[in-house]
């Protein structure tokens, strides 16, 4: 799965907007890269009943949620580069 396919699946209908924003904004591009990496880490993390592992998974899930919120907020912020 390519990056574009991944983001098209994660944010339906916003693939072109995401590509354009990532190309223009290095900070936003890094947020997207971090989102992809942390979500992949969460998906691949082994599940166990240990308290340390549970806390780690909770931290990953919180990071994914925060990064997703940042991406969605930017997608819904009007682009002011042409003003």
C-alpha atoms as a PDB file:
ATOM      1  CA  UNK A   1       0.000   0.000   0.000  1.00  0.00           C
ATOM      2  CA  UNK A   2       1.416   3.366  -1.015  1.00  0.00           C
ATOM      3  CA  UNK A   3       1.300   6.459   1.177  1.00  0.00           C
ATOM      4  CA  UNK A   4      -1.381   7.903  -1.104  1.00  0.00           C
ATOM      5  CA  UNK A   5      -3.490   4.742  -0.813  1.00  0.00           C
ATOM      6  CA  UNK A   6      -3.074   4.734   2.949  1.00  0.00           C
ATOM      7  CA  UNK A   7      -4.227   8.341   3.332  1.00  0.00           C
ATOM      8  CA  UNK A   8      -7.052   7.886   0.825  1.00  0.00           C
ATOM      9  CA  UNK A   9      -8.334   5.033   3.010  1.00  0.00           C
ATOM     10  CA  UNK A  10      -7.838   6.951   6.260  1.00  0.00           C
ATOM     11  CA  UNK A  11      -9.352  10.233   5.029  1.00  0.00           C
ATOM     12  CA  UNK A  12     -11.855   9.367   2.279  1.00  0.00           C
ATOM     13  CA  UNK A  13     -12.425  12.144  -0.214  1.00  0.00           C
ATOM     14  CA  UNK A  14      -9.413  14.165   0.938  1.00  0.00           C
ATOM     15  CA  UNK A  15      -6.547  12.412  -0.874  1.00  0.00           C
ATOM     16  CA  UNK A  16      -5.836  15.234  -3.334  1.00  0.00           C
ATOM     17  CA  UNK A  17      -6.111  17.886  -0.637  1.00  0.00           C
ATOM     18  CA  UNK A  18      -3.732  15.912   1.590  1.00  0.00           C
ATOM     19  CA  UNK A  19      -1.201  15.562  -1.239  1.00  0.00           C
ATOM     20  CA  UNK A  20      -1.302  19.280  -1.970  1.00  0.00           C
ATOM     21  CA  UNK A  21      -0.996  20.280   1.679  1.00  0.00           C
ATOM     22  CA  UNK A  22       1.869  17.864   2.292  1.00  0.00           C
ATOM     23  CA  UNK A  23       3.735  19.194  -0.742  1.00  0.00           C
ATOM     24  CA  UNK A  24       3.401  22.796   0.479  1.00  0.00           C
ATOM     25  CA  UNK A  25       3.775  22.401   4.228  1.00  0.00           C
ATOM     26  CA  UNK A  26       6.746  20.468   5.662  1.00  0.00           C
ATOM     27  CA  UNK A  27       5.327  20.540   9.197  1.00  0.00           C
ATOM     28  CA  UNK A  28       2.019  19.082   8.007  1.00  0.00           C
ATOM     29  CA  UNK A  29       3.910  16.494   5.966  1.00  0.00           C
ATOM     30  CA  UNK A  30       5.753  15.438   9.138  1.00  0.00           C
ATOM     31  CA  UNK A  31       2.472  15.174  11.065  1.00  0.00           C
ATOM     32  CA  UNK A  32       1.123  12.885   8.341  1.00  0.00           C
ATOM     33  CA  UNK A  33       4.296  10.782   8.334  1.00  0.00           C
ATOM     34  CA  UNK A  34       4.131  10.484  12.128  1.00  0.00           C
ATOM     35  CA  UNK A  35       0.456   9.476  11.948  1.00  0.00           C
ATOM     36  CA  UNK A  36       1.244   6.721   9.460  1.00  0.00           C
ATOM     37  CA  UNK A  37       4.199   5.461  11.502  1.00  0.00           C
ATOM     38  CA  UNK A  38       2.429   5.472  14.884  1.00  0.00           C
ATOM     39  CA  UNK A  39      -0.703   3.822  13.464  1.00  0.00           C
ATOM     40  CA  UNK A  40       1.449   1.103  11.900  1.00  0.00           C
ATOM     41  CA  UNK A  41       3.286   0.621  15.202  1.00  0.00           C
ATOM     42  CA  UNK A  42      -0.041   0.346  17.034  1.00  0.00           C
ATOM     43  CA  UNK A  43      -1.340  -2.196  14.547  1.00  0.00           C
ATOM     44  CA  UNK A  44       1.804  -4.320  14.799  1.00  0.00           C
ATOM     45  CA  UNK A  45       2.312  -4.062  18.566  1.00  0.00           C
ATOM     46  CA  UNK A  46       2.033  -7.399  20.342  1.00  0.00           C
ATOM     47  CA  UNK A  47      -0.916  -7.675  22.699  1.00  0.00           C
ATOM     48  CA  UNK A  48      -0.237  -8.903  26.207  1.00  0.00           C
ATOM     49  CA  UNK A  49      -1.821  -8.532  29.619  1.00  0.00           C
ATOM     50  CA  UNK A  50       1.211  -6.775  31.110  1.00  0.00           C
ATOM     51  CA  UNK A  51       0.677  -3.332  32.626  1.00  0.00           C
ATOM     52  CA  UNK A  52       3.657  -1.805  30.830  1.00  0.00           C
ATOM     53  CA  UNK A  53       2.447  -3.080  27.464  1.00  0.00           C
ATOM     54  CA  UNK A  54      -1.089  -1.850  28.165  1.00  0.00           C
ATOM     55  CA  UNK A  55       0.203   1.652  28.991  1.00  0.00           C
ATOM     56  CA  UNK A  56       2.359   1.642  25.855  1.00  0.00           C
ATOM     57  CA  UNK A  57      -0.614   0.712  23.679  1.00  0.00           C
ATOM     58  CA  UNK A  58      -2.735   3.391  25.352  1.00  0.00           C
ATOM     59  CA  UNK A  59      -0.016   5.971  24.670  1.00  0.00           C
ATOM     60  CA  UNK A  60       0.167   4.906  21.025  1.00  0.00           C
ATOM     61  CA  UNK A  61      -3.612   5.126  20.676  1.00  0.00           C
ATOM     62  CA  UNK A  62      -3.605   8.609  22.211  1.00  0.00           C
ATOM     63  CA  UNK A  63      -0.835   9.711  19.841  1.00  0.00           C
ATOM     64  CA  UNK A  64      -2.773   8.396  16.837  1.00  0.00           C
ATOM     65  CA  UNK A  65      -5.876  10.249  18.000  1.00  0.00           C
ATOM     66  CA  UNK A  66      -3.978  13.516  18.510  1.00  0.00           C
ATOM     67  CA  UNK A  67      -2.239  13.280  15.140  1.00  0.00           C
ATOM     68  CA  UNK A  68      -5.514  12.433  13.373  1.00  0.00           C
ATOM     69  CA  UNK A  69      -7.173  15.439  15.012  1.00  0.00           C
ATOM     70  CA  UNK A  70      -4.340  17.675  13.794  1.00  0.00           C
ATOM     71  CA  UNK A  71      -4.712  16.366  10.251  1.00  0.00           C
ATOM     72  CA  UNK A  72      -8.506  16.729  10.245  1.00  0.00           C
ATOM     73  CA  UNK A  73      -8.259  20.249  11.644  1.00  0.00           C
ATOM     74  CA  UNK A  74      -5.840  21.242   8.879  1.00  0.00           C
ATOM     75  CA  UNK A  75      -8.062  19.642   6.229  1.00  0.00           C
ATOM     76  CA  UNK A  76     -10.981  21.752   7.429  1.00  0.00           C
ATOM     77  CA  UNK A  77      -9.014  25.010   7.706  1.00  0.00           C
ATOM     78  CA  UNK A  78      -9.445  27.261   4.694  1.00  0.00           C
ATOM     79  CA  UNK A  79      -6.287  27.553   2.597  1.00  0.00           C
ATOM     80  CA  UNK A  80      -5.071  31.129   2.774  1.00  0.00           C
ATOM     81  CA  UNK A  81      -1.993  30.806   0.566  1.00  0.00           C
ATOM     82  CA  UNK A  82      -3.683  32.649  -2.297  1.00  0.00           C
ATOM     83  CA  UNK A  83      -4.856  35.630  -0.269  1.00  0.00           C
END
